[in-house]
Protein backbone atom coordinates (compact mmCIF):
# COMPACT_ATOMS: atom_id res chain seq x y z
CA MET A 1 0.00 0.00 0.00
CA GLU A 2 1.25 3.48 -0.91
CA LEU A 3 1.25 5.72 2.20
CA ALA A 4 2.41 8.95 0.57
CA GLY A 5 0.05 11.69 1.72
CA ALA A 6 -1.44 9.51 4.45
CA VAL A 7 -2.14 10.75 7.98
CA LEU A 8 -3.05 9.16 11.30
CA ALA A 9 -5.86 10.75 13.32
CA VAL A 10 -6.87 9.95 16.90
CA ASP A 11 -9.92 11.10 18.85
CA GLY A 12 -9.21 9.87 22.36
CA GLY A 13 -11.97 10.51 24.87
CA GLY A 14 -12.62 9.54 28.44
CA SER A 15 -14.83 6.61 27.46
CA ARG A 16 -13.57 5.53 24.05
CA CYS A 17 -10.86 6.19 21.49
CA ARG A 18 -11.24 6.24 17.69
CA MET A 19 -8.25 5.95 15.35
CA ALA A 20 -8.07 6.30 11.59
CA LEU A 21 -5.48 5.86 8.87
CA VAL A 22 -6.51 8.19 6.06
CA LEU A 23 -4.83 8.03 2.65
CA GLY A 24 -4.33 10.97 0.37
CA ASP A 25 -7.29 9.90 -1.78
CA GLY A 26 -9.59 9.74 1.25
CA GLN A 27 -9.60 5.96 1.67
CA ARG A 28 -9.51 5.08 5.35
CA TRP A 29 -9.39 2.35 7.97
CA MET A 30 -10.72 2.84 11.50
CA VAL A 31 -10.59 1.07 14.84
CA GLU A 32 -12.02 1.79 18.27
CA ALA A 33 -10.38 1.27 21.64
CA GLY A 34 -11.04 2.03 25.29
CA PRO A 35 -10.66 5.24 27.32
CA THR A 36 -7.58 7.40 26.83
CA ASN A 37 -7.69 10.13 29.47
CA VAL A 38 -4.00 10.83 29.98
CA SER A 39 -4.55 12.82 33.18
CA SER A 40 -6.56 10.26 35.10
CA ASP A 41 -4.63 7.19 33.86
CA PHE A 42 -1.49 8.06 31.91
CA GLN A 43 -0.10 4.55 31.67
CA GLY A 44 -3.43 2.97 30.87
CA ALA A 45 -4.14 5.54 28.17
CA CYS A 46 -0.74 5.01 26.55
CA ASP A 47 -1.19 1.24 26.65
CA THR A 48 -4.59 1.63 24.97
CA LEU A 49 -3.12 3.89 22.29
CA ARG A 50 -0.28 1.48 21.54
CA GLN A 51 -2.66 -1.45 21.24
CA GLY A 52 -4.97 0.62 19.08
CA LEU A 53 -2.12 1.38 16.69
CA ARG A 54 -1.37 -2.35 16.41
CA ASP A 55 -5.05 -3.05 15.73
CA LEU A 56 -5.13 -0.30 13.09
CA ALA A 57 -2.06 -1.72 11.36
CA ASN A 58 -3.78 -5.11 11.24
CA ALA A 59 -7.03 -3.63 9.96
CA ALA A 60 -5.24 -1.77 7.17
CA GLN A 61 -2.88 -4.69 6.52
CA VAL A 62 0.09 -2.36 6.86
CA PRO A 63 3.32 -3.34 8.64
CA PHE A 64 3.39 -1.70 12.08
CA GLU A 65 6.75 -0.04 11.34
CA ARG A 66 5.28 1.69 8.29
CA LEU A 67 2.13 2.77 10.11
CA VAL A 68 3.96 4.49 12.95
CA ALA A 69 6.03 6.47 10.43
CA VAL A 70 2.88 8.20 9.14
CA PRO A 71 2.36 11.81 10.41
CA ALA A 72 -0.20 11.78 13.22
CA TYR A 73 -2.36 14.14 15.24
CA LEU A 74 -3.83 12.94 18.54
CA GLY A 75 -6.60 14.82 20.31
CA LEU A 76 -6.77 13.28 23.78
CA ALA A 77 -8.83 13.80 26.91
CA GLY A 78 -6.85 15.12 29.86
CA VAL A 79 -4.13 16.96 27.93
CA THR A 80 -4.06 19.99 30.20
CA HIS A 81 -0.60 21.40 29.41
CA ALA A 82 2.24 21.19 26.89
CA GLU A 83 4.53 19.12 29.12
CA LEU A 84 1.92 16.37 29.40
CA ALA A 85 1.44 16.38 25.63
CA GLN A 86 5.18 15.93 25.21
CA ARG A 87 5.18 13.02 27.68
CA VAL A 88 2.47 11.30 25.69
CA ALA A 89 4.29 11.80 22.41
CA ALA A 90 7.51 10.42 23.92
CA ALA A 91 5.69 7.34 25.25
CA LEU A 92 4.30 6.34 21.86
CA PRO A 93 6.11 4.71 18.92
CA LEU A 94 4.94 7.38 16.45
CA ALA A 95 7.78 9.01 14.53
CA GLN A 96 5.90 12.22 13.68
CA CYS A 97 3.11 13.10 16.04
CA GLU A 98 1.50 16.11 17.63
CA VAL A 99 -0.63 15.71 20.75
CA GLY A 100 -3.31 18.16 21.79
CA GLU A 101 -6.50 18.30 23.82
CA ASP A 102 -9.62 16.64 22.49
CA GLN A 103 -11.46 19.95 22.75
CA ARG A 104 -9.50 21.38 19.82
CA ILE A 105 -10.47 18.63 17.41
CA ALA A 106 -14.11 18.81 18.52
CA LEU A 107 -14.13 22.54 17.79
CA ARG A 108 -12.50 22.14 14.38
CA ALA A 109 -14.81 19.28 13.41
CA ALA A 110 -17.93 21.19 14.39
CA LEU A 111 -17.01 24.48 12.69
CA GLY A 112 -14.60 23.47 9.94
CA ARG A 113 -12.77 26.71 9.17
CA ASP A 114 -15.79 28.92 9.85
CA ALA A 115 -15.88 31.57 12.54
CA GLY A 116 -18.14 30.58 15.38
CA ALA A 117 -18.45 28.82 18.69
CA VAL A 118 -19.09 25.44 20.25
CA ALA A 119 -20.79 24.74 23.55
CA HIS A 120 -20.14 21.10 24.36
CA CYS A 121 -22.33 19.75 27.13
CA GLY A 122 -21.97 16.04 27.78
CA THR A 123 -21.17 14.56 31.19
CA GLY A 124 -18.71 17.46 31.41
CA SER A 125 -18.61 20.71 29.46
CA PHE A 126 -16.30 23.04 27.61
CA PHE A 127 -16.63 26.04 25.34
CA GLY A 128 -14.65 27.13 22.31
CA VAL A 129 -14.53 30.02 19.87
CA GLN A 130 -12.77 30.02 16.51
CA ALA A 131 -11.95 32.99 14.29
CA GLY A 132 -9.51 32.37 11.46
CA ALA A 133 -6.43 30.67 12.87
CA GLN A 134 -7.27 31.79 16.41
CA ILE A 135 -8.82 29.24 18.75
CA ARG A 136 -9.86 29.97 22.32
CA LEU A 137 -11.03 27.28 24.72
CA CYS A 138 -12.34 27.42 28.26
CA GLY A 139 -13.94 25.14 30.80
CA GLY A 140 -13.50 21.42 31.08
CA TRP A 141 -12.24 21.66 34.66
CA GLY A 142 -14.42 18.91 36.09
CA LEU A 143 -17.53 18.92 38.25
CA THR A 144 -15.83 19.84 41.53
CA LEU A 145 -14.82 23.30 40.30
CA GLY A 146 -16.61 23.70 37.00
CA ASP A 147 -18.40 21.88 34.17
CA GLU A 148 -21.27 24.34 34.31
CA ALA A 149 -24.23 23.45 32.06
CA SER A 150 -22.99 19.86 31.76
CA ALA A 151 -25.22 16.86 32.39
CA ALA A 152 -23.44 16.25 35.70
CA TRP A 153 -23.95 19.88 36.73
CA LEU A 154 -27.62 19.72 35.69
CA GLY A 155 -28.26 16.62 37.79
CA ARG A 156 -26.44 18.03 40.81
CA ARG A 157 -28.31 21.34 40.58
CA ALA A 158 -31.63 19.50 40.43
CA LEU A 159 -30.76 17.66 43.63
CA ASN A 160 -29.70 20.92 45.26
CA LEU A 161 -33.12 22.43 44.55
CA THR A 162 -34.81 19.20 45.61
CA LEU A 163 -33.25 19.60 49.06
CA ALA A 164 -34.53 23.18 49.14
CA GLU A 165 -38.01 21.77 48.50
CA ALA A 166 -37.51 19.30 51.34
CA ASP A 167 -36.61 22.22 53.62
CA GLY A 168 -39.78 24.04 52.63
CA LEU A 169 -37.85 26.85 50.92
CA ARG A 170 -39.38 26.23 47.51
CA ALA A 171 -42.77 25.25 46.16
CA ARG A 172 -43.00 21.56 45.39
CA SER A 173 -42.39 20.37 41.85
CA ASP A 174 -43.04 17.06 40.15
CA LEU A 175 -39.32 16.67 39.44
CA GLY A 176 -38.28 17.42 43.02
CA GLN A 177 -40.89 15.15 44.53
CA GLY A 178 -39.95 12.39 42.12
CA LEU A 179 -36.29 12.66 43.09
CA LEU A 180 -37.21 12.62 46.78
CA GLN A 181 -39.28 9.51 46.25
CA ASP A 182 -36.59 7.67 44.27
CA LEU A 183 -33.44 8.82 46.07
CA GLY A 184 -34.68 10.24 49.35
CA PRO A 185 -35.50 11.16 51.93
CA ALA A 186 -33.17 14.16 52.06
CA PRO A 187 -30.42 12.58 54.24
CA GLN A 188 -30.19 9.65 51.82
CA ILE A 189 -29.83 12.05 48.89
CA VAL A 190 -26.90 13.67 50.69
CA ALA A 191 -25.31 10.28 51.32
CA TRP A 192 -25.86 9.25 47.70
CA ALA A 193 -24.35 12.49 46.39
CA ALA A 194 -21.25 12.09 48.57
CA GLN A 195 -20.41 8.87 46.73
CA ALA A 196 -21.70 9.81 43.27
CA SER A 197 -19.43 10.28 40.26
CA PRO A 198 -20.06 12.88 37.55
CA ALA A 199 -21.58 10.07 35.48
CA HIS A 200 -24.05 9.32 38.27
CA PHE A 201 -25.10 12.95 38.48
CA GLY A 202 -25.21 13.11 34.70
CA ALA A 203 -27.62 10.21 34.52
CA LEU A 204 -30.21 12.44 36.22
CA ALA A 205 -30.05 15.00 33.40
CA ARG A 206 -32.56 13.09 31.27
CA ARG A 207 -35.11 13.41 34.05
CA VAL A 208 -34.51 17.16 34.13
CA THR A 209 -34.87 17.66 30.38
CA ALA A 210 -37.96 15.43 30.25
CA ALA A 211 -39.57 17.31 33.14
CA ALA A 212 -38.73 20.67 31.57
CA ALA A 213 -40.49 19.59 28.38
CA THR A 214 -43.70 19.11 30.39
CA GLY A 215 -43.45 22.58 31.95
CA ASP A 216 -42.03 21.57 35.34
CA VAL A 217 -40.99 24.82 37.00
CA MET A 218 -37.88 23.53 38.76
CA ALA A 219 -36.61 21.68 35.70
CA ALA A 220 -37.14 24.74 33.50
CA GLU A 221 -35.29 26.88 36.02
CA VAL A 222 -32.28 24.58 35.95
CA MET A 223 -32.29 24.44 32.14
CA GLN A 224 -32.51 28.22 31.98
CA ALA A 225 -29.58 28.56 34.37
CA GLY A 226 -27.47 26.28 32.18
CA ALA A 227 -28.42 28.17 29.04
CA GLY A 228 -27.67 31.46 30.76
CA HIS A 229 -24.18 30.24 31.56
CA ILE A 230 -23.63 29.17 27.97
CA ALA A 231 -24.74 32.56 26.65
CA HIS A 232 -22.61 34.49 29.13
CA VAL A 233 -19.45 32.48 28.54
CA LEU A 234 -19.67 32.56 24.75
CA GLU A 235 -20.22 36.31 24.67
CA GLN A 236 -17.29 36.82 27.02
CA MET A 237 -15.17 34.67 24.70
CA GLY A 238 -16.02 36.80 21.70
CA TRP A 239 -18.91 35.08 19.94
CA GLN A 240 -20.83 37.60 17.86
CA THR A 241 -24.35 37.66 16.49
CA GLY A 242 -24.46 36.05 13.07
CA GLN A 243 -21.62 33.61 13.70
CA THR A 244 -22.22 29.88 13.79
CA LEU A 245 -23.08 28.24 17.11
CA CYS A 246 -22.88 24.47 17.54
CA LEU A 247 -24.37 22.77 20.58
CA THR A 248 -22.67 19.39 20.95
CA GLY A 249 -22.65 16.51 23.40
CA GLY A 250 -25.65 14.56 24.55
CA LEU A 251 -27.14 17.50 26.44
CA GLY A 252 -25.98 20.46 24.36
CA PRO A 253 -28.84 20.53 21.80
CA GLN A 254 -31.40 20.46 24.63
CA TYR A 255 -30.41 24.01 25.57
CA ALA A 256 -31.27 25.54 22.19
CA SER A 257 -34.77 26.74 23.04
CA TYR A 258 -33.56 28.33 26.30
CA LEU A 259 -30.91 30.52 24.67
CA PRO A 260 -31.44 34.17 23.69
CA ASP A 261 -33.15 34.58 20.32
CA ARG A 262 -29.97 35.77 18.59
CA MET A 263 -28.21 32.57 19.64
CA GLN A 264 -31.14 30.33 18.76
CA ALA A 265 -31.04 31.74 15.24
CA ALA A 266 -27.34 30.85 14.95
CA VAL A 267 -27.58 27.23 16.11
CA THR A 268 -26.24 24.92 13.39
CA PRO A 269 -25.54 21.17 13.44
CA PRO A 270 -21.82 20.33 13.68
CA GLN A 271 -20.17 19.73 10.33
CA ALA A 272 -18.47 16.49 11.35
CA GLU A 273 -17.47 14.17 14.18
CA PRO A 274 -14.37 15.05 16.31
CA LEU A 275 -12.21 12.47 14.54
CA GLU A 276 -12.44 14.62 11.40
CA GLY A 277 -10.93 17.49 13.36
CA ALA A 278 -7.90 15.33 14.08
CA VAL A 279 -7.66 14.47 10.37
CA ASP A 280 -7.75 18.17 9.51
CA PHE A 281 -5.03 19.07 12.04
CA ALA A 282 -2.84 16.20 10.83
CA ARG A 283 -3.15 17.31 7.22
CA ALA A 284 -2.47 20.93 8.16
CA ARG A 285 0.68 19.82 9.99
CA VAL A 286 1.89 17.93 6.91
CA ALA A 287 1.15 20.90 4.67
CA ALA A 288 3.09 23.22 6.97
CA GLN A 289 6.08 20.89 6.98
CA GLU A 290 6.02 20.62 3.20
CA ALA A 291 5.92 24.40 2.98
CA GLY A 292 9.00 24.56 5.19
CA GLN A 293 7.26 26.22 8.13
């Protein structure tokens, strides 16, 4: 197989990793592997990446030594600083690779080269704005200190207001009373929350969005708070009326109807999946090298 013009692309998230070998003519081979968060489990993530590369070589029927010589871009969860990216690159057998955060490839995939913004709200959250070659990212700090508007944040906020109902500080709501019935009484909710992971909190988000759709006051309040945070952050980051806005992640699109009208009008489906962002960055890196930059 001729590998001239080929690139390797990796979208490594906290729950799964996708890898692709993409030839110059667009032909590709893909494999999936397990989680690759290099902050929470550096060794495990690197082991998963190495095995994934071996699986990809087998899938493409390319000798491993030739595969790892292909220029690569890896967008990985947990890449919080340049030194960690360098550690990852040094731990892998790739001869030409650049490692960055998975947020960058998600932003590029959603917007292509267009000016605009992404609000990603899955279990966690992050926000990004792109204008020309300039990319600005924020958030993604985890539920303890951040992840506002994420599914985990939404579930935790709903429980917070449920306890306020239990204390008689708020009018009762169907959502709050349902949570008290299923997880309560209040002391048991506190005990449950003390042991809960972001994924556990995030699992409650579907109850919030479903209740909001029926007009539940508490659920709508929580959704509005999340949408308000999205609007505030994106405007502070430089999003302007008329630019594209992509709401990604399992929860992100649910906020559309709660955003200000000018943002609702700008909401556009993402152009591609995050893996395509890694392909784009890999190709751009090759082009820059060929141009002598």
